[in-house]
Amino acid sequence: SDSEFDYGKDERLRSREVTEGPDKAPHRAMFRAMGF
């Protein structure tokens, strides 16, 4: 279940804080509204 939210992002990148993991589903929902 965790791997569903693993997008292969470089661990050095701080944007992982808003794009990775199940707890970031609301964040990704906002991005999806903008076409990402």
PDB file of all heavy atoms in Angstrom:
ATOM      1  N   SER A   1       0.827  -1.208   0.000  1.00  0.00           N
ATOM      2  CA  SER A   1       0.000   0.000   0.000  1.00  0.00           C
ATOM      3  C   SER A   1       0.859   1.255   0.000  1.00  0.00           C
ATOM      4  O   SER A   1       0.514   2.247  -0.630  1.00  0.00           O
ATOM      5  CB  SER A   1      -0.929  -0.001   1.226  1.00  0.00           C
ATOM      6  OG  SER A   1      -0.149  -0.065   2.422  1.00  0.00           O
ATOM      7  N   ASP A   2       2.007   1.203   0.704  1.00  0.00           N
ATOM      8  CA  ASP A   2       2.865   2.389   0.722  1.00  0.00           C
ATOM      9  C   ASP A   2       3.445   2.691  -0.649  1.00  0.00           C
ATOM     10  O   ASP A   2       3.637   3.847  -1.008  1.00  0.00           O
ATOM     11  CB  ASP A   2       4.024   2.190   1.718  1.00  0.00           C
ATOM     12  CG  ASP A   2       3.560   2.346   3.151  1.00  0.00           C
ATOM     13  OD1 ASP A   2       2.436   2.837   3.345  1.00  0.00           O
ATOM     14  OD2 ASP A   2       4.321   1.967   4.054  1.00  0.00           O
ATOM     15  N   SER A   3       3.736   1.619  -1.445  1.00  0.00           N
ATOM     16  CA  SER A   3       4.389   1.836  -2.726  1.00  0.00           C
ATOM     17  C   SER A   3       3.482   2.546  -3.718  1.00  0.00           C
ATOM     18  O   SER A   3       3.952   3.084  -4.711  1.00  0.00           O
ATOM     19  CB  SER A   3       4.874   0.513  -3.316  1.00  0.00           C
ATOM     20  OG  SER A   3       3.773  -0.313  -3.657  1.00  0.00           O
ATOM     21  N   GLU A   4       2.188   2.548  -3.465  1.00  0.00           N
ATOM     22  CA  GLU A   4       1.291   3.266  -4.360  1.00  0.00           C
ATOM     23  C   GLU A   4       1.601   4.764  -4.392  1.00  0.00           C
ATOM     24  O   GLU A   4       1.261   5.456  -5.336  1.00  0.00           O
ATOM     25  CB  GLU A   4      -0.161   3.067  -3.919  1.00  0.00           C
ATOM     26  CG  GLU A   4      -0.643   1.624  -4.046  1.00  0.00           C
ATOM     27  CD  GLU A   4      -2.049   1.486  -3.512  1.00  0.00           C
ATOM     28  OE1 GLU A   4      -2.739   2.529  -3.422  1.00  0.00           O
ATOM     29  OE2 GLU A   4      -2.455   0.367  -3.188  1.00  0.00           O
ATOM     30  N   PHE A   5       2.250   5.215  -3.338  1.00  0.00           N
ATOM     31  CA  PHE A   5       2.539   6.647  -3.243  1.00  0.00           C
ATOM     32  C   PHE A   5       4.015   6.947  -3.421  1.00  0.00           C
ATOM     33  O   PHE A   5       4.485   8.026  -3.117  1.00  0.00           O
ATOM     34  CB  PHE A   5       2.058   7.177  -1.884  1.00  0.00           C
ATOM     35  CG  PHE A   5       0.618   6.881  -1.619  1.00  0.00           C
ATOM     36  CD1 PHE A   5       0.263   5.783  -0.847  1.00  0.00           C
ATOM     37  CD2 PHE A   5      -0.372   7.679  -2.158  1.00  0.00           C
ATOM     38  CE1 PHE A   5      -1.073   5.501  -0.616  1.00  0.00           C
ATOM     39  CE2 PHE A   5      -1.704   7.398  -1.916  1.00  0.00           C
ATOM     40  CZ  PHE A   5      -2.072   6.306  -1.147  1.00  0.00           C
ATOM     41  N   ASP A   6       4.769   5.957  -3.905  1.00  0.00           N
ATOM     42  CA  ASP A   6       6.204   6.137  -4.142  1.00  0.00           C
ATOM     43  C   ASP A   6       6.403   6.489  -5.607  1.00  0.00           C
ATOM     44  O   ASP A   6       6.275   5.642  -6.476  1.00  0.00           O
ATOM     45  CB  ASP A   6       6.963   4.857  -3.786  1.00  0.00           C
ATOM     46  CG  ASP A   6       8.466   4.990  -4.027  1.00  0.00           C
ATOM     47  OD1 ASP A   6       8.899   6.104  -4.376  1.00  0.00           O
ATOM     48  OD2 ASP A   6       9.179   3.986  -3.862  1.00  0.00           O
ATOM     49  N   TYR A   7       6.711   7.745  -5.886  1.00  0.00           N
ATOM     50  CA  TYR A   7       6.836   8.200  -7.264  1.00  0.00           C
ATOM     51  C   TYR A   7       8.283   8.249  -7.731  1.00  0.00           C
ATOM     52  O   TYR A   7       8.589   8.840  -8.760  1.00  0.00           O
ATOM     53  CB  TYR A   7       6.165   9.568  -7.413  1.00  0.00           C
ATOM     54  CG  TYR A   7       4.677   9.494  -7.165  1.00  0.00           C
ATOM     55  CD1 TYR A   7       4.147   9.851  -5.929  1.00  0.00           C
ATOM     56  CD2 TYR A   7       3.816   9.001  -8.146  1.00  0.00           C
ATOM     57  CE1 TYR A   7       2.788   9.757  -5.695  1.00  0.00           C
ATOM     58  CE2 TYR A   7       2.451   8.913  -7.910  1.00  0.00           C
ATOM     59  CZ  TYR A   7       1.949   9.281  -6.681  1.00  0.00           C
ATOM     60  OH  TYR A   7       0.599   9.191  -6.450  1.00  0.00           O
ATOM     61  N   GLY A   8       9.161   7.607  -6.971  1.00  0.00           N
ATOM     62  CA  GLY A   8      10.554   7.498  -7.417  1.00  0.00           C
ATOM     63  C   GLY A   8      11.334   8.784  -7.346  1.00  0.00           C
ATOM     64  O   GLY A   8      12.315   8.968  -8.058  1.00  0.00           O
ATOM     65  N   LYS A   9      10.923   9.708  -6.483  1.00  0.00           N
ATOM     66  CA  LYS A   9      11.583  11.004  -6.414  1.00  0.00           C
ATOM     67  C   LYS A   9      12.899  10.895  -5.657  1.00  0.00           C
ATOM     68  O   LYS A   9      13.034  10.166  -4.679  1.00  0.00           O
ATOM     69  CB  LYS A   9      10.662  12.028  -5.748  1.00  0.00           C
ATOM     70  CG  LYS A   9      11.229  13.430  -5.679  1.00  0.00           C
ATOM     71  CD  LYS A   9      10.184  14.450  -5.298  1.00  0.00           C
ATOM     72  CE  LYS A   9       9.253  14.754  -6.449  1.00  0.00           C
ATOM     73  NZ  LYS A   9       8.402  15.920  -6.183  1.00  0.00           N
ATOM     74  N   ASP A  10      13.893  11.654  -6.126  1.00  0.00           N
ATOM     75  CA  ASP A  10      15.195  11.732  -5.490  1.00  0.00           C
ATOM     76  C   ASP A  10      15.013  12.114  -4.021  1.00  0.00           C
ATOM     77  O   ASP A  10      14.348  13.105  -3.697  1.00  0.00           O
ATOM     78  CB  ASP A  10      16.034  12.790  -6.217  1.00  0.00           C
ATOM     79  CG  ASP A  10      17.486  12.814  -5.778  1.00  0.00           C
ATOM     80  OD1 ASP A  10      17.754  12.584  -4.589  1.00  0.00           O
ATOM     81  OD2 ASP A  10      18.346  13.108  -6.629  1.00  0.00           O
ATOM     82  N   GLU A  11      15.620  11.371  -3.127  1.00  0.00           N
ATOM     83  CA  GLU A  11      15.447  11.615  -1.694  1.00  0.00           C
ATOM     84  C   GLU A  11      16.027  12.958  -1.247  1.00  0.00           C
ATOM     85  O   GLU A  11      15.718  13.433  -0.156  1.00  0.00           O
ATOM     86  CB  GLU A  11      16.074  10.480  -0.882  1.00  0.00           C
ATOM     87  CG  GLU A  11      15.337   9.154  -1.044  1.00  0.00           C
ATOM     88  CD  GLU A  11      15.888   8.084  -0.131  1.00  0.00           C
ATOM     89  OE1 GLU A  11      16.882   8.366   0.579  1.00  0.00           O
ATOM     90  OE2 GLU A  11      15.326   6.983  -0.114  1.00  0.00           O
ATOM     91  N   ARG A  12      16.876  13.578  -2.071  1.00  0.00           N
ATOM     92  CA  ARG A  12      17.447  14.869  -1.699  1.00  0.00           C
ATOM     93  C   ARG A  12      16.466  16.016  -1.926  1.00  0.00           C
ATOM     94  O   ARG A  12      16.713  17.130  -1.459  1.00  0.00           O
ATOM     95  CB  ARG A  12      18.711  15.142  -2.519  1.00  0.00           C
ATOM     96  CG  ARG A  12      19.836  14.131  -2.323  1.00  0.00           C
ATOM     97  CD  ARG A  12      20.953  14.387  -3.303  1.00  0.00           C
ATOM     98  NE  ARG A  12      20.505  14.228  -4.689  1.00  0.00           N
ATOM     99  CZ  ARG A  12      21.248  14.506  -5.758  1.00  0.00           C
ATOM    100  NH1 ARG A  12      22.486  14.989  -5.582  1.00  0.00           N
ATOM    101  NH2 ARG A  12      20.777  14.335  -6.974  1.00  0.00           N
ATOM    102  N   LEU A  13      15.371  15.762  -2.613  1.00  0.00           N
ATOM    103  CA  LEU A  13      14.457  16.833  -3.004  1.00  0.00           C
ATOM    104  C   LEU A  13      13.419  17.086  -1.924  1.00  0.00           C
ATOM    105  O   LEU A  13      12.713  16.178  -1.497  1.00  0.00           O
ATOM    106  CB  LEU A  13      13.770  16.481  -4.320  1.00  0.00           C
ATOM    107  CG  LEU A  13      14.713  16.214  -5.507  1.00  0.00           C
ATOM    108  CD1 LEU A  13      13.904  15.909  -6.752  1.00  0.00           C
ATOM    109  CD2 LEU A  13      15.636  17.399  -5.726  1.00  0.00           C
ATOM    110  N   ARG A  14      13.284  18.360  -1.532  1.00  0.00           N
ATOM    111  CA  ARG A  14      12.352  18.657  -0.455  1.00  0.00           C
ATOM    112  C   ARG A  14      10.907  18.656  -0.907  1.00  0.00           C
ATOM    113  O   ARG A  14       9.992  18.619  -0.069  1.00  0.00           O
ATOM    114  CB  ARG A  14      12.711  19.987   0.202  1.00  0.00           C
ATOM    115  CG  ARG A  14      12.516  21.220  -0.637  1.00  0.00           C
ATOM    116  CD  ARG A  14      12.895  22.461   0.150  1.00  0.00           C
ATOM    117  NE  ARG A  14      12.623  23.674  -0.595  1.00  0.00           N
ATOM    118  CZ  ARG A  14      12.849  24.901  -0.116  1.00  0.00           C
ATOM    119  NH1 ARG A  14      13.373  25.046   1.082  1.00  0.00           N
ATOM    120  NH2 ARG A  14      12.560  25.974  -0.842  1.00  0.00           N
ATOM    121  N   SER A  15      10.651  18.674  -2.220  1.00  0.00           N
ATOM    122  CA  SER A  15       9.265  18.611  -2.689  1.00  0.00           C
ATOM    123  C   SER A  15       8.614  17.273  -2.351  1.00  0.00           C
ATOM    124  O   SER A  15       7.382  17.152  -2.422  1.00  0.00           O
ATOM    125  CB  SER A  15       9.181  18.854  -4.196  1.00  0.00           C
ATOM    126  OG  SER A  15       9.923  17.893  -4.909  1.00  0.00           O
ATOM    127  N   ARG A  16       9.416  16.279  -1.943  1.00  0.00           N
ATOM    128  CA  ARG A  16       8.844  15.013  -1.465  1.00  0.00           C
ATOM    129  C   ARG A  16       7.894  15.268  -0.296  1.00  0.00           C
ATOM    130  O   ARG A  16       6.956  14.506  -0.062  1.00  0.00           O
ATOM    131  CB  ARG A  16       9.962  14.064  -1.020  1.00  0.00           C
ATOM    132  CG  ARG A  16      10.871  13.606  -2.150  1.00  0.00           C
ATOM    133  CD  ARG A  16      12.066  12.795  -1.650  1.00  0.00           C
ATOM    134  NE  ARG A  16      11.638  11.519  -1.093  1.00  0.00           N
ATOM    135  CZ  ARG A  16      11.764  11.190   0.196  1.00  0.00           C
ATOM    136  NH1 ARG A  16      12.282  12.050   1.052  1.00  0.00           N
ATOM    137  NH2 ARG A  16      11.361  10.002   0.611  1.00  0.00           N
ATOM    138  N   GLU A  17       8.164  16.375   0.438  1.00  0.00           N
ATOM    139  CA  GLU A  17       7.339  16.689   1.602  1.00  0.00           C
ATOM    140  C   GLU A  17       5.894  16.982   1.230  1.00  0.00           C
ATOM    141  O   GLU A  17       5.011  16.937   2.097  1.00  0.00           O
ATOM    142  CB  GLU A  17       7.935  17.886   2.353  1.00  0.00           C
ATOM    143  CG  GLU A  17       9.333  17.660   2.897  1.00  0.00           C
ATOM    144  CD  GLU A  17       9.922  18.928   3.490  1.00  0.00           C
ATOM    145  OE1 GLU A  17       9.144  19.801   3.950  1.00  0.00           O
ATOM    146  OE2 GLU A  17      11.155  19.067   3.493  1.00  0.00           O
ATOM    147  N   VAL A  18       5.625  17.318  -0.029  1.00  0.00           N
ATOM    148  CA  VAL A  18       4.248  17.627  -0.435  1.00  0.00           C
ATOM    149  C   VAL A  18       3.745  16.702  -1.540  1.00  0.00           C
ATOM    150  O   VAL A  18       2.616  16.887  -2.013  1.00  0.00           O
ATOM    151  CB  VAL A  18       4.123  19.099  -0.893  1.00  0.00           C
ATOM    152  CG1 VAL A  18       4.378  20.049   0.269  1.00  0.00           C
ATOM    153  CG2 VAL A  18       5.057  19.416  -2.043  1.00  0.00           C
ATOM    154  N   THR A  19       4.544  15.707  -1.938  1.00  0.00           N
ATOM    155  CA  THR A  19       4.085  14.834  -3.028  1.00  0.00           C
ATOM    156  C   THR A  19       4.119  13.348  -2.690  1.00  0.00           C
ATOM    157  O   THR A  19       3.508  12.557  -3.416  1.00  0.00           O
ATOM    158  CB  THR A  19       4.934  15.035  -4.302  1.00  0.00           C
ATOM    159  OG1 THR A  19       6.309  14.728  -4.015  1.00  0.00           O
ATOM    160  CG2 THR A  19       4.807  16.452  -4.831  1.00  0.00           C
ATOM    161  N   GLU A  20       4.800  12.922  -1.637  1.00  0.00           N
ATOM    162  CA  GLU A  20       4.964  11.498  -1.379  1.00  0.00           C
ATOM    163  C   GLU A  20       4.279  11.052  -0.102  1.00  0.00           C
ATOM    164  O   GLU A  20       4.213  11.801   0.873  1.00  0.00           O
ATOM    165  CB  GLU A  20       6.456  11.142  -1.303  1.00  0.00           C
ATOM    166  CG  GLU A  20       7.140  11.183  -2.653  1.00  0.00           C
ATOM    167  CD  GLU A  20       8.484  10.477  -2.648  1.00  0.00           C
ATOM    168  OE1 GLU A  20       8.915  10.011  -1.580  1.00  0.00           O
ATOM    169  OE2 GLU A  20       9.093  10.392  -3.716  1.00  0.00           O
ATOM    170  N   GLY A  21       3.787   9.813  -0.134  1.00  0.00           N
ATOM    171  CA  GLY A  21       3.202   9.186   1.045  1.00  0.00           C
ATOM    172  C   GLY A  21       1.692   9.328   1.096  1.00  0.00           C
ATOM    173  O   GLY A  21       1.112  10.251   0.525  1.00  0.00           O
ATOM    174  N   PRO A  22       1.033   8.409   1.796  1.00  0.00           N
ATOM    175  CA  PRO A  22      -0.436   8.443   1.881  1.00  0.00           C
ATOM    176  C   PRO A  22      -0.967   9.709   2.545  1.00  0.00           C
ATOM    177  O   PRO A  22      -2.042  10.187   2.221  1.00  0.00           O
ATOM    178  CB  PRO A  22      -0.774   7.193   2.710  1.00  0.00           C
ATOM    179  CG  PRO A  22       0.496   6.817   3.406  1.00  0.00           C
ATOM    180  CD  PRO A  22       1.611   7.252   2.520  1.00  0.00           C
ATOM    181  N   ASP A  23      -0.171  10.279   3.482  1.00  0.00           N
ATOM    182  CA  ASP A  23      -0.644  11.480   4.174  1.00  0.00           C
ATOM    183  C   ASP A  23      -0.599  12.716   3.298  1.00  0.00           C
ATOM    184  O   ASP A  23      -1.111  13.778   3.687  1.00  0.00           O
ATOM    185  CB  ASP A  23       0.173  11.704   5.446  1.00  0.00           C
ATOM    186  CG  ASP A  23       1.660  11.853   5.175  1.00  0.00           C
ATOM    187  OD1 ASP A  23       2.149  11.194   4.235  1.00  0.00           O
ATOM    188  OD2 ASP A  23       2.337  12.620   5.895  1.00  0.00           O
ATOM    189  N   LYS A  24       0.000  12.597   2.113  1.00  0.00           N
ATOM    190  CA  LYS A  24       0.056  13.730   1.192  1.00  0.00           C
ATOM    191  C   LYS A  24      -0.985  13.634   0.087  1.00  0.00           C
ATOM    192  O   LYS A  24      -0.930  14.369  -0.897  1.00  0.00           O
ATOM    193  CB  LYS A  24       1.461  13.849   0.578  1.00  0.00           C
ATOM    194  CG  LYS A  24       2.559  14.112   1.608  1.00  0.00           C
ATOM    195  CD  LYS A  24       2.287  15.375   2.412  1.00  0.00           C
ATOM    196  CE  LYS A  24       3.431  15.714   3.355  1.00  0.00           C
ATOM    197  NZ  LYS A  24       3.521  14.749   4.471  1.00  0.00           N
ATOM    198  N   ALA A  25      -1.951  12.743   0.258  1.00  0.00           N
ATOM    199  CA  ALA A  25      -3.032  12.634  -0.728  1.00  0.00           C
ATOM    200  C   ALA A  25      -3.777  13.962  -0.907  1.00  0.00           C
ATOM    201  O   ALA A  25      -4.084  14.352  -2.042  1.00  0.00           O
ATOM    202  CB  ALA A  25      -3.993  11.513  -0.323  1.00  0.00           C
ATOM    203  N   PRO A  26      -4.079  14.713   0.181  1.00  0.00           N
ATOM    204  CA  PRO A  26      -4.757  16.003  -0.036  1.00  0.00           C
ATOM    205  C   PRO A  26      -3.905  16.970  -0.852  1.00  0.00           C
ATOM    206  O   PRO A  26      -4.437  17.729  -1.670  1.00  0.00           O
ATOM    207  CB  PRO A  26      -4.975  16.533   1.389  1.00  0.00           C
ATOM    208  CG  PRO A  26      -4.912  15.321   2.272  1.00  0.00           C
ATOM    209  CD  PRO A  26      -3.911  14.416   1.630  1.00  0.00           C
ATOM    210  N   HIS A  27      -2.588  16.947  -0.622  1.00  0.00           N
ATOM    211  CA  HIS A  27      -1.691  17.835  -1.350  1.00  0.00           C
ATOM    212  C   HIS A  27      -1.705  17.494  -2.844  1.00  0.00           C
ATOM    213  O   HIS A  27      -1.790  18.377  -3.705  1.00  0.00           O
ATOM    214  CB  HIS A  27      -0.266  17.710  -0.810  1.00  0.00           C
ATOM    215  CG  HIS A  27      -0.138  17.907   0.674  1.00  0.00           C
ATOM    216  ND1 HIS A  27      -0.729  17.066   1.589  1.00  0.00           N
ATOM    217  CD2 HIS A  27       0.520  18.846   1.394  1.00  0.00           C
ATOM    218  CE1 HIS A  27      -0.439  17.480   2.810  1.00  0.00           C
ATOM    219  NE2 HIS A  27       0.320  18.564   2.716  1.00  0.00           N
ATOM    220  N   ARG A  28      -1.632  16.170  -3.114  1.00  0.00           N
ATOM    221  CA  ARG A  28      -1.632  15.742  -4.518  1.00  0.00           C
ATOM    222  C   ARG A  28      -2.973  16.049  -5.178  1.00  0.00           C
ATOM    223  O   ARG A  28      -3.020  16.385  -6.376  1.00  0.00           O
ATOM    224  CB  ARG A  28      -1.306  14.254  -4.615  1.00  0.00           C
ATOM    225  CG  ARG A  28       0.144  13.912  -4.250  1.00  0.00           C
ATOM    226  CD  ARG A  28       0.486  12.475  -4.609  1.00  0.00           C
ATOM    227  NE  ARG A  28      -0.315  11.530  -3.860  1.00  0.00           N
ATOM    228  CZ  ARG A  28      -0.030  11.050  -2.647  1.00  0.00           C
ATOM    229  NH1 ARG A  28       1.086  11.461  -2.029  1.00  0.00           N
ATOM    230  NH2 ARG A  28      -0.812  10.183  -2.035  1.00  0.00           N
ATOM    231  N   ALA A  29      -4.038  15.967  -4.404  1.00  0.00           N
ATOM    232  CA  ALA A  29      -5.354  16.291  -4.970  1.00  0.00           C
ATOM    233  C   ALA A  29      -5.381  17.739  -5.453  1.00  0.00           C
ATOM    234  O   ALA A  29      -5.953  18.042  -6.519  1.00  0.00           O
ATOM    235  CB  ALA A  29      -6.439  16.062  -3.919  1.00  0.00           C
ATOM    236  N   MET A  30      -4.744  18.618  -4.699  1.00  0.00           N
ATOM    237  CA  MET A  30      -4.678  20.023  -5.118  1.00  0.00           C
ATOM    238  C   MET A  30      -3.869  20.161  -6.405  1.00  0.00           C
ATOM    239  O   MET A  30      -4.258  20.895  -7.320  1.00  0.00           O
ATOM    240  CB  MET A  30      -4.054  20.863  -4.005  1.00  0.00           C
ATOM    241  CG  MET A  30      -4.836  20.886  -2.705  1.00  0.00           C
ATOM    242  SD  MET A  30      -6.375  21.823  -2.819  1.00  0.00           S
ATOM    243  CE  MET A  30      -5.737  23.496  -2.762  1.00  0.00           C
ATOM    244  N   PHE A  31      -2.752  19.449  -6.477  1.00  0.00           N
ATOM    245  CA  PHE A  31      -1.943  19.504  -7.699  1.00  0.00           C
ATOM    246  C   PHE A  31      -2.714  18.931  -8.886  1.00  0.00           C
ATOM    247  O   PHE A  31      -2.638  19.463  -9.999  1.00  0.00           O
ATOM    248  CB  PHE A  31      -0.641  18.718  -7.504  1.00  0.00           C
ATOM    249  CG  PHE A  31       0.426  19.466  -6.753  1.00  0.00           C
ATOM    250  CD1 PHE A  31       0.923  18.981  -5.554  1.00  0.00           C
ATOM    251  CD2 PHE A  31       0.940  20.653  -7.241  1.00  0.00           C
ATOM    252  CE1 PHE A  31       1.909  19.662  -4.858  1.00  0.00           C
ATOM    253  CE2 PHE A  31       1.923  21.347  -6.563  1.00  0.00           C
ATOM    254  CZ  PHE A  31       2.417  20.849  -5.365  1.00  0.00           C
ATOM    255  N   ARG A  32      -3.461  17.845  -8.669  1.00  0.00           N
ATOM    256  CA  ARG A  32      -4.207  17.230  -9.781  1.00  0.00           C
ATOM    257  C   ARG A  32      -5.252  18.195 -10.327  1.00  0.00           C
ATOM    258  O   ARG A  32      -5.548  18.197 -11.530  1.00  0.00           O
ATOM    259  CB  ARG A  32      -4.864  15.926  -9.307  1.00  0.00           C
ATOM    260  CG  ARG A  32      -3.869  14.823  -8.976  1.00  0.00           C
ATOM    261  CD  ARG A  32      -4.575  13.514  -8.630  1.00  0.00           C
ATOM    262  NE  ARG A  32      -3.677  12.569  -7.990  1.00  0.00           N
ATOM    263  CZ  ARG A  32      -2.786  11.816  -8.604  1.00  0.00           C
ATOM    264  NH1 ARG A  32      -2.658  11.880  -9.920  1.00  0.00           N
ATOM    265  NH2 ARG A  32      -2.027  10.970  -7.914  1.00  0.00           N
ATOM    266  N   ALA A  33      -5.780  19.059  -9.463  1.00  0.00           N
ATOM    267  CA  ALA A  33      -6.764  20.040  -9.921  1.00  0.00           C
ATOM    268  C   ALA A  33      -6.149  21.012 -10.920  1.00  0.00           C
ATOM    269  O   ALA A  33      -6.870  21.626 -11.721  1.00  0.00           O
ATOM    270  CB  ALA A  33      -7.314  20.810  -8.717  1.00  0.00           C
ATOM    271  N   MET A  34      -4.812  21.134 -10.895  1.00  0.00           N
ATOM    272  CA  MET A  34      -4.120  22.051 -11.803  1.00  0.00           C
ATOM    273  C   MET A  34      -3.516  21.332 -13.001  1.00  0.00           C
ATOM    274  O   MET A  34      -2.769  21.927 -13.772  1.00  0.00           O
ATOM    275  CB  MET A  34      -3.027  22.815 -11.041  1.00  0.00           C
ATOM    276  CG  MET A  34      -3.567  23.720  -9.952  1.00  0.00           C
ATOM    277  SD  MET A  34      -2.276  24.633  -9.053  1.00  0.00           S
ATOM    278  CE  MET A  34      -1.573  23.336  -8.034  1.00  0.00           C
ATOM    279  N   GLY A  35      -3.822  20.021 -13.139  1.00  0.00           N
ATOM    280  CA  GLY A  35      -3.384  19.289 -14.319  1.00  0.00           C
ATOM    281  C   GLY A  35      -2.119  18.477 -14.130  1.00  0.00           C
ATOM    282  O   GLY A  35      -1.630  17.880 -15.095  1.00  0.00           O
ATOM    283  N   PHE A  36      -1.553  18.446 -12.928  1.00  0.00           N
ATOM    284  CA  PHE A  36      -0.359  17.636 -12.686  1.00  0.00           C
ATOM    285  C   PHE A  36      -0.764  16.186 -12.477  1.00  0.00           C
ATOM    286  O   PHE A  36      -1.884  15.874 -12.079  1.00  0.00           O
ATOM    287  CB  PHE A  36       0.401  18.173 -11.473  1.00  0.00           C
ATOM    288  CG  PHE A  36       0.965  19.550 -11.687  1.00  0.00           C
ATOM    289  CD1 PHE A  36       0.381  20.660 -11.087  1.00  0.00           C
ATOM    290  CD2 PHE A  36       2.070  19.746 -12.507  1.00  0.00           C
ATOM    291  CE1 PHE A  36       0.894  21.935 -11.287  1.00  0.00           C
ATOM    292  CE2 PHE A  36       2.591  21.026 -12.715  1.00  0.00           C
ATOM    293  CZ  PHE A  36       1.995  22.114 -12.108  1.00  0.00           C
TER     294      PHE A  36
END
